[in-house]
Amino acid sequence: MLIGDAKNNEIAMYELGTSHTRLWRSSRNDWFGGTPGFYWGDNNSKDLTVNLEYAPDPQGTPEYLPSCPGSAI
């Protein structure tokens, strides 16, 4: 999710997993992938911990697992 706060001139990117969450905040100068001043949203989690919550069972049938560049999945 992308979140904007016009009153405080801040943007944030929030990823909600089943057990883990991750929040990137512009006020903390917390940027993903070395992209200062830029957040983007899609349906692929960028945080590896959140992304691995849906890792398929290696003994089960193959499933599609979207990933982001630079992740070690």
PDB file of N, CA and C in Angstrom:
ATOM      1  N   MET A   1       0.832  -1.168   0.000  1.00  0.00           N
ATOM      2  CA  MET A   1       0.000   0.000   0.000  1.00  0.00           C
ATOM      3  C   MET A   1       0.884   1.241   0.000  1.00  0.00           C
ATOM      4  N   LEU A   2       0.464   2.228  -0.737  1.00  0.00           N
ATOM      5  CA  LEU A   2       1.130   3.513  -0.710  1.00  0.00           C
ATOM      6  C   LEU A   2       0.288   4.463   0.133  1.00  0.00           C
ATOM      7  N   ILE A   3       0.936   5.204   1.003  1.00  0.00           N
ATOM      8  CA  ILE A   3       0.244   6.088   1.936  1.00  0.00           C
ATOM      9  C   ILE A   3       0.853   7.475   1.804  1.00  0.00           C
ATOM     10  N   GLY A   4       0.020   8.491   1.743  1.00  0.00           N
ATOM     11  CA  GLY A   4       0.489   9.866   1.673  1.00  0.00           C
ATOM     12  C   GLY A   4      -0.094  10.700   2.800  1.00  0.00           C
ATOM     13  N   ASP A   5       0.709  11.573   3.373  1.00  0.00           N
ATOM     14  CA  ASP A   5       0.267  12.480   4.434  1.00  0.00           C
ATOM     15  C   ASP A   5       0.638  13.897   4.012  1.00  0.00           C
ATOM     16  N   ALA A   6      -0.320  14.626   3.469  1.00  0.00           N
ATOM     17  CA  ALA A   6      -0.061  15.980   2.968  1.00  0.00           C
ATOM     18  C   ALA A   6       0.256  16.959   4.096  1.00  0.00           C
ATOM     19  N   LYS A   7      -0.329  16.745   5.263  1.00  0.00           N
ATOM     20  CA  LYS A   7      -0.097  17.657   6.386  1.00  0.00           C
ATOM     21  C   LYS A   7       1.371  17.628   6.820  1.00  0.00           C
ATOM     22  N   ASN A   8       1.974  16.448   6.861  1.00  0.00           N
ATOM     23  CA  ASN A   8       3.375  16.296   7.279  1.00  0.00           C
ATOM     24  C   ASN A   8       4.340  16.156   6.110  1.00  0.00           C
ATOM     25  N   ASN A   9       3.818  16.250   4.873  1.00  0.00           N
ATOM     26  CA  ASN A   9       4.633  16.131   3.674  1.00  0.00           C
ATOM     27  C   ASN A   9       5.455  14.835   3.698  1.00  0.00           C
ATOM     28  N   GLU A  10       4.755  13.728   3.923  1.00  0.00           N
ATOM     29  CA  GLU A  10       5.415  12.434   4.039  1.00  0.00           C
ATOM     30  C   GLU A  10       4.695  11.404   3.176  1.00  0.00           C
ATOM     31  N   ILE A  11       5.470  10.466   2.627  1.00  0.00           N
ATOM     32  CA  ILE A  11       4.906   9.320   1.925  1.00  0.00           C
ATOM     33  C   ILE A  11       5.450   8.058   2.579  1.00  0.00           C
ATOM     34  N   ALA A  12       4.723   6.970   2.401  1.00  0.00           N
ATOM     35  CA  ALA A  12       5.135   5.700   2.986  1.00  0.00           C
ATOM     36  C   ALA A  12       4.684   4.556   2.096  1.00  0.00           C
ATOM     37  N   MET A  13       5.351   3.442   2.242  1.00  0.00           N
ATOM     38  CA  MET A  13       4.988   2.217   1.544  1.00  0.00           C
ATOM     39  C   MET A  13       4.879   1.125   2.607  1.00  0.00           C
ATOM     40  N   TYR A  14       3.717   0.479   2.672  1.00  0.00           N
ATOM     41  CA  TYR A  14       3.432  -0.503   3.709  1.00  0.00           C
ATOM     42  C   TYR A  14       3.130  -1.846   3.075  1.00  0.00           C
ATOM     43  N   GLU A  15       3.794  -2.883   3.559  1.00  0.00           N
ATOM     44  CA  GLU A  15       3.536  -4.240   3.090  1.00  0.00           C
ATOM     45  C   GLU A  15       3.003  -5.058   4.248  1.00  0.00           C
ATOM     46  N   LEU A  16       1.874  -5.672   4.032  1.00  0.00           N
ATOM     47  CA  LEU A  16       1.202  -6.442   5.062  1.00  0.00           C
ATOM     48  C   LEU A  16       1.209  -7.911   4.671  1.00  0.00           C
ATOM     49  N   GLY A  17       1.919  -8.711   5.443  1.00  0.00           N
ATOM     50  CA  GLY A  17       1.916 -10.149   5.244  1.00  0.00           C
ATOM     51  C   GLY A  17       1.030 -10.807   6.281  1.00  0.00           C
ATOM     52  N   THR A  18       1.036 -12.113   6.319  1.00  0.00           N
ATOM     53  CA  THR A  18       0.235 -12.836   7.299  1.00  0.00           C
ATOM     54  C   THR A  18       0.832 -12.686   8.693  1.00  0.00           C
ATOM     55  N   SER A  19       2.141 -12.832   8.801  1.00  0.00           N
ATOM     56  CA  SER A  19       2.810 -12.742  10.103  1.00  0.00           C
ATOM     57  C   SER A  19       3.758 -11.554  10.199  1.00  0.00           C
ATOM     58  N   HIS A  20       4.270 -11.076   9.085  1.00  0.00           N
ATOM     59  CA  HIS A  20       5.258 -10.004   9.083  1.00  0.00           C
ATOM     60  C   HIS A  20       4.720  -8.794   8.321  1.00  0.00           C
ATOM     61  N   THR A  21       5.197  -7.626   8.704  1.00  0.00           N
ATOM     62  CA  THR A  21       4.869  -6.398   7.989  1.00  0.00           C
ATOM     63  C   THR A  21       6.148  -5.599   7.788  1.00  0.00           C
ATOM     64  N   ARG A  22       6.095  -4.657   6.862  1.00  0.00           N
ATOM     65  CA  ARG A  22       7.246  -3.782   6.621  1.00  0.00           C
ATOM     66  C   ARG A  22       6.725  -2.415   6.245  1.00  0.00           C
ATOM     67  N   LEU A  23       7.294  -1.366   6.854  1.00  0.00           N
ATOM     68  CA  LEU A  23       6.898   0.010   6.577  1.00  0.00           C
ATOM     69  C   LEU A  23       8.135   0.815   6.210  1.00  0.00           C
ATOM     70  N   TRP A  24       8.114   1.410   5.017  1.00  0.00           N
ATOM     71  CA  TRP A  24       9.160   2.331   4.591  1.00  0.00           C
ATOM     72  C   TRP A  24       8.581   3.728   4.710  1.00  0.00           C
ATOM     73  N   ARG A  25       9.294   4.658   5.374  1.00  0.00           N
ATOM     74  CA  ARG A  25       8.799   6.026   5.577  1.00  0.00           C
ATOM     75  C   ARG A  25       9.796   7.036   5.034  1.00  0.00           C
ATOM     76  N   SER A  26       9.273   8.012   4.311  1.00  0.00           N
ATOM     77  CA  SER A  26      10.147   9.046   3.758  1.00  0.00           C
ATOM     78  C   SER A  26      10.731   9.924   4.863  1.00  0.00           C
ATOM     79  N   SER A  27      10.011  10.109   5.980  1.00  0.00           N
ATOM     80  CA  SER A  27      10.531  10.942   7.064  1.00  0.00           C
ATOM     81  C   SER A  27      11.761  10.321   7.720  1.00  0.00           C
ATOM     82  N   ARG A  28      11.916   9.022   7.590  1.00  0.00           N
ATOM     83  CA  ARG A  28      13.097   8.330   8.122  1.00  0.00           C
ATOM     84  C   ARG A  28      14.160   8.113   7.048  1.00  0.00           C
ATOM     85  N   ASN A  29      13.909   8.675   5.869  1.00  0.00           N
ATOM     86  CA  ASN A  29      14.814   8.498   4.734  1.00  0.00           C
ATOM     87  C   ASN A  29      15.004   7.017   4.428  1.00  0.00           C
ATOM     88  N   ASP A  30      13.916   6.264   4.484  1.00  0.00           N
ATOM     89  CA  ASP A  30      13.901   4.819   4.320  1.00  0.00           C
ATOM     90  C   ASP A  30      13.362   4.503   2.919  1.00  0.00           C
ATOM     91  N   TRP A  31      14.258   4.202   1.995  1.00  0.00           N
ATOM     92  CA  TRP A  31      13.874   3.994   0.597  1.00  0.00           C
ATOM     93  C   TRP A  31      14.226   2.576   0.172  1.00  0.00           C
ATOM     94  N   PHE A  32      13.392   1.973  -0.637  1.00  0.00           N
ATOM     95  CA  PHE A  32      13.639   0.623  -1.124  1.00  0.00           C
ATOM     96  C   PHE A  32      14.523   0.649  -2.367  1.00  0.00           C
ATOM     97  N   GLY A  33      15.502  -0.207  -2.404  1.00  0.00           N
ATOM     98  CA  GLY A  33      16.307  -0.412  -3.604  1.00  0.00           C
ATOM     99  C   GLY A  33      17.100   0.781  -4.066  1.00  0.00           C
ATOM    100  N   GLY A  34      17.474   1.675  -3.179  1.00  0.00           N
ATOM    101  CA  GLY A  34      18.281   2.827  -3.573  1.00  0.00           C
ATOM    102  C   GLY A  34      17.549   3.801  -4.476  1.00  0.00           C
ATOM    103  N   THR A  35      16.269   4.003  -4.232  1.00  0.00           N
ATOM    104  CA  THR A  35      15.472   4.918  -5.047  1.00  0.00           C
ATOM    105  C   THR A  35      14.959   6.079  -4.195  1.00  0.00           C
ATOM    106  N   PRO A  36      15.831   6.978  -3.738  1.00  0.00           N
ATOM    107  CA  PRO A  36      15.383   8.076  -2.870  1.00  0.00           C
ATOM    108  C   PRO A  36      14.337   8.958  -3.560  1.00  0.00           C
ATOM    109  N   GLY A  37      13.276   9.248  -2.811  1.00  0.00           N
ATOM    110  CA  GLY A  37      12.213  10.093  -3.321  1.00  0.00           C
ATOM    111  C   GLY A  37      11.176   9.366  -4.133  1.00  0.00           C
ATOM    112  N   PHE A  38      11.257   8.042  -4.199  1.00  0.00           N
ATOM    113  CA  PHE A  38      10.358   7.295  -5.086  1.00  0.00           C
ATOM    114  C   PHE A  38       9.886   6.017  -4.412  1.00  0.00           C
ATOM    115  N   TYR A  39       8.583   5.861  -4.298  1.00  0.00           N
ATOM    116  CA  TYR A  39       7.958   4.608  -3.876  1.00  0.00           C
ATOM    117  C   TYR A  39       7.034   4.155  -4.990  1.00  0.00           C
ATOM    118  N   TRP A  40       6.821   2.874  -5.125  1.00  0.00           N
ATOM    119  CA  TRP A  40       5.875   2.357  -6.094  1.00  0.00           C
ATOM    120  C   TRP A  40       5.161   1.171  -5.488  1.00  0.00           C
ATOM    121  N   GLY A  41       3.990   0.900  -5.983  1.00  0.00           N
ATOM    122  CA  GLY A  41       3.200  -0.199  -5.455  1.00  0.00           C
ATOM    123  C   GLY A  41       2.786  -1.144  -6.567  1.00  0.00           C
ATOM    124  N   ASP A  42       2.836  -2.398  -6.282  1.00  0.00           N
ATOM    125  CA  ASP A  42       2.320  -3.449  -7.151  1.00  0.00           C
ATOM    126  C   ASP A  42       1.946  -4.611  -6.241  1.00  0.00           C
ATOM    127  N   ASN A  43       1.567  -5.704  -6.781  1.00  0.00           N
ATOM    128  CA  ASN A  43       1.131  -6.814  -5.945  1.00  0.00           C
ATOM    129  C   ASN A  43       2.257  -7.777  -5.593  1.00  0.00           C
ATOM    130  N   ASN A  44       3.488  -7.375  -5.764  1.00  0.00           N
ATOM    131  CA  ASN A  44       4.636  -8.182  -5.363  1.00  0.00           C
ATOM    132  C   ASN A  44       5.293  -7.530  -4.159  1.00  0.00           C
ATOM    133  N   SER A  45       5.493  -8.309  -3.110  1.00  0.00           N
ATOM    134  CA  SER A  45       6.136  -7.738  -1.924  1.00  0.00           C
ATOM    135  C   SER A  45       7.618  -7.508  -2.201  1.00  0.00           C
ATOM    136  N   LYS A  46       8.135  -6.432  -1.660  1.00  0.00           N
ATOM    137  CA  LYS A  46       9.535  -6.080  -1.866  1.00  0.00           C
ATOM    138  C   LYS A  46      10.408  -6.553  -0.714  1.00  0.00           C
ATOM    139  N   ASP A  47       9.826  -6.717   0.463  1.00  0.00           N
ATOM    140  CA  ASP A  47      10.567  -7.179   1.631  1.00  0.00           C
ATOM    141  C   ASP A  47      10.673  -8.703   1.590  1.00  0.00           C
ATOM    142  N   LEU A  48      11.875  -9.226   1.721  1.00  0.00           N
ATOM    143  CA  LEU A  48      12.102 -10.668   1.600  1.00  0.00           C
ATOM    144  C   LEU A  48      11.362 -11.452   2.676  1.00  0.00           C
ATOM    145  N   THR A  49      11.309 -10.949   3.900  1.00  0.00           N
ATOM    146  CA  THR A  49      10.618 -11.660   4.975  1.00  0.00           C
ATOM    147  C   THR A  49       9.127 -11.795   4.682  1.00  0.00           C
ATOM    148  N   VAL A  50       8.511 -10.720   4.189  1.00  0.00           N
ATOM    149  CA  VAL A  50       7.091 -10.770   3.825  1.00  0.00           C
ATOM    150  C   VAL A  50       6.907 -11.686   2.617  1.00  0.00           C
ATOM    151  N   ASN A  51       7.810 -11.616   1.664  1.00  0.00           N
ATOM    152  CA  ASN A  51       7.708 -12.421   0.445  1.00  0.00           C
ATOM    153  C   ASN A  51       7.817 -13.917   0.740  1.00  0.00           C
ATOM    154  N   LEU A  52       8.663 -14.296   1.672  1.00  0.00           N
ATOM    155  CA  LEU A  52       8.862 -15.718   1.966  1.00  0.00           C
ATOM    156  C   LEU A  52       7.700 -16.346   2.732  1.00  0.00           C
ATOM    157  N   GLU A  53       6.759 -15.559   3.221  1.00  0.00           N
ATOM    158  CA  GLU A  53       5.598 -16.131   3.892  1.00  0.00           C
ATOM    159  C   GLU A  53       4.803 -17.022   2.957  1.00  0.00           C
ATOM    160  N   TYR A  54       4.846 -16.735   1.666  1.00  0.00           N
ATOM    161  CA  TYR A  54       4.076 -17.512   0.702  1.00  0.00           C
ATOM    162  C   TYR A  54       4.960 -18.472  -0.091  1.00  0.00           C
ATOM    163  N   ALA A  55       6.169 -18.736   0.361  1.00  0.00           N
ATOM    164  CA  ALA A  55       7.029 -19.658  -0.379  1.00  0.00           C
ATOM    165  C   ALA A  55       6.366 -21.030  -0.434  1.00  0.00           C
ATOM    166  N   PRO A  56       6.237 -21.615  -1.616  1.00  0.00           N
ATOM    167  CA  PRO A  56       5.575 -22.912  -1.729  1.00  0.00           C
ATOM    168  C   PRO A  56       6.381 -24.028  -1.061  1.00  0.00           C
ATOM    169  N   ASP A  57       5.688 -25.063  -0.723  1.00  0.00           N
ATOM    170  CA  ASP A  57       6.303 -26.246  -0.127  1.00  0.00           C
ATOM    171  C   ASP A  57       7.180 -26.928  -1.185  1.00  0.00           C
ATOM    172  N   PRO A  58       8.476 -27.132  -0.902  1.00  0.00           N
ATOM    173  CA  PRO A  58       9.338 -27.755  -1.909  1.00  0.00           C
ATOM    174  C   PRO A  58       8.916 -29.179  -2.270  1.00  0.00           C
ATOM    175  N   GLN A  59       8.162 -29.835  -1.412  1.00  0.00           N
ATOM    176  CA  GLN A  59       7.694 -31.194  -1.691  1.00  0.00           C
ATOM    177  C   GLN A  59       6.337 -31.201  -2.392  1.00  0.00           C
ATOM    178  N   GLY A  60       5.699 -30.038  -2.480  1.00  0.00           N
ATOM    179  CA  GLY A  60       4.369 -29.947  -3.084  1.00  0.00           C
ATOM    180  C   GLY A  60       4.443 -29.678  -4.578  1.00  0.00           C
ATOM    181  N   THR A  61       3.290 -29.375  -5.161  1.00  0.00           N
ATOM    182  CA  THR A  61       3.229 -29.078  -6.589  1.00  0.00           C
ATOM    183  C   THR A  61       3.757 -27.672  -6.847  1.00  0.00           C
ATOM    184  N   PRO A  62       4.319 -27.423  -8.019  1.00  0.00           N
ATOM    185  CA  PRO A  62       4.849 -26.083  -8.328  1.00  0.00           C
ATOM    186  C   PRO A  62       3.728 -25.047  -8.362  1.00  0.00           C
ATOM    187  N   GLU A  63       4.047 -23.855  -7.884  1.00  0.00           N
ATOM    188  CA  GLU A  63       3.109 -22.737  -7.904  1.00  0.00           C
ATOM    189  C   GLU A  63       3.845 -21.505  -8.395  1.00  0.00           C
ATOM    190  N   TYR A  64       3.079 -20.569  -8.895  1.00  0.00           N
ATOM    191  CA  TYR A  64       3.666 -19.302  -9.330  1.00  0.00           C
ATOM    192  C   TYR A  64       3.959 -18.452  -8.110  1.00  0.00           C
ATOM    193  N   LEU A  65       5.189 -17.980  -7.957  1.00  0.00           N
ATOM    194  CA  LEU A  65       5.585 -17.126  -6.846  1.00  0.00           C
ATOM    195  C   LEU A  65       6.216 -15.865  -7.397  1.00  0.00           C
ATOM    196  N   PRO A  66       5.467 -14.738  -7.415  1.00  0.00           N
ATOM    197  CA  PRO A  66       6.065 -13.505  -7.915  1.00  0.00           C
ATOM    198  C   PRO A  66       7.207 -13.051  -6.997  1.00  0.00           C
ATOM    199  N   SER A  67       8.205 -12.459  -7.578  1.00  0.00           N
ATOM    200  CA  SER A  67       9.330 -11.973  -6.775  1.00  0.00           C
ATOM    201  C   SER A  67       9.797 -10.634  -7.324  1.00  0.00           C
ATOM    202  N   CYS A  68      10.701  -9.998  -6.583  1.00  0.00           N
ATOM    203  CA  CYS A  68      11.227  -8.709  -7.023  1.00  0.00           C
ATOM    204  C   CYS A  68      12.700  -8.866  -7.365  1.00  0.00           C
ATOM    205  N   PRO A  69      13.241  -8.015  -8.204  1.00  0.00           N
ATOM    206  CA  PRO A  69      14.660  -8.103  -8.561  1.00  0.00           C
ATOM    207  C   PRO A  69      15.532  -7.972  -7.329  1.00  0.00           C
ATOM    208  N   GLY A  70      16.568  -8.769  -7.268  1.00  0.00           N
ATOM    209  CA  GLY A  70      17.522  -8.698  -6.176  1.00  0.00           C
ATOM    210  C   GLY A  70      17.155  -9.548  -4.988  1.00  0.00           C
ATOM    211  N   SER A  71      15.974 -10.177  -4.995  1.00  0.00           N
ATOM    212  CA  SER A  71      15.613 -11.032  -3.871  1.00  0.00           C
ATOM    213  C   SER A  71      16.272 -12.404  -4.053  1.00  0.00           C
ATOM    214  N   ALA A  72      16.495 -13.061  -2.955  1.00  0.00           N
ATOM    215  CA  ALA A  72      17.209 -14.350  -3.005  1.00  0.00           C
ATOM    216  C   ALA A  72      16.242 -15.520  -2.849  1.00  0.00           C
ATOM    217  N   ILE A  73      15.231 -15.553  -3.684  1.00  0.00           N
ATOM    218  CA  ILE A  73      14.259 -16.657  -3.612  1.00  0.00           C
ATOM    219  C   ILE A  73      14.608 -17.692  -4.644  1.00  0.00           C
TER     220      ILE A  73
END
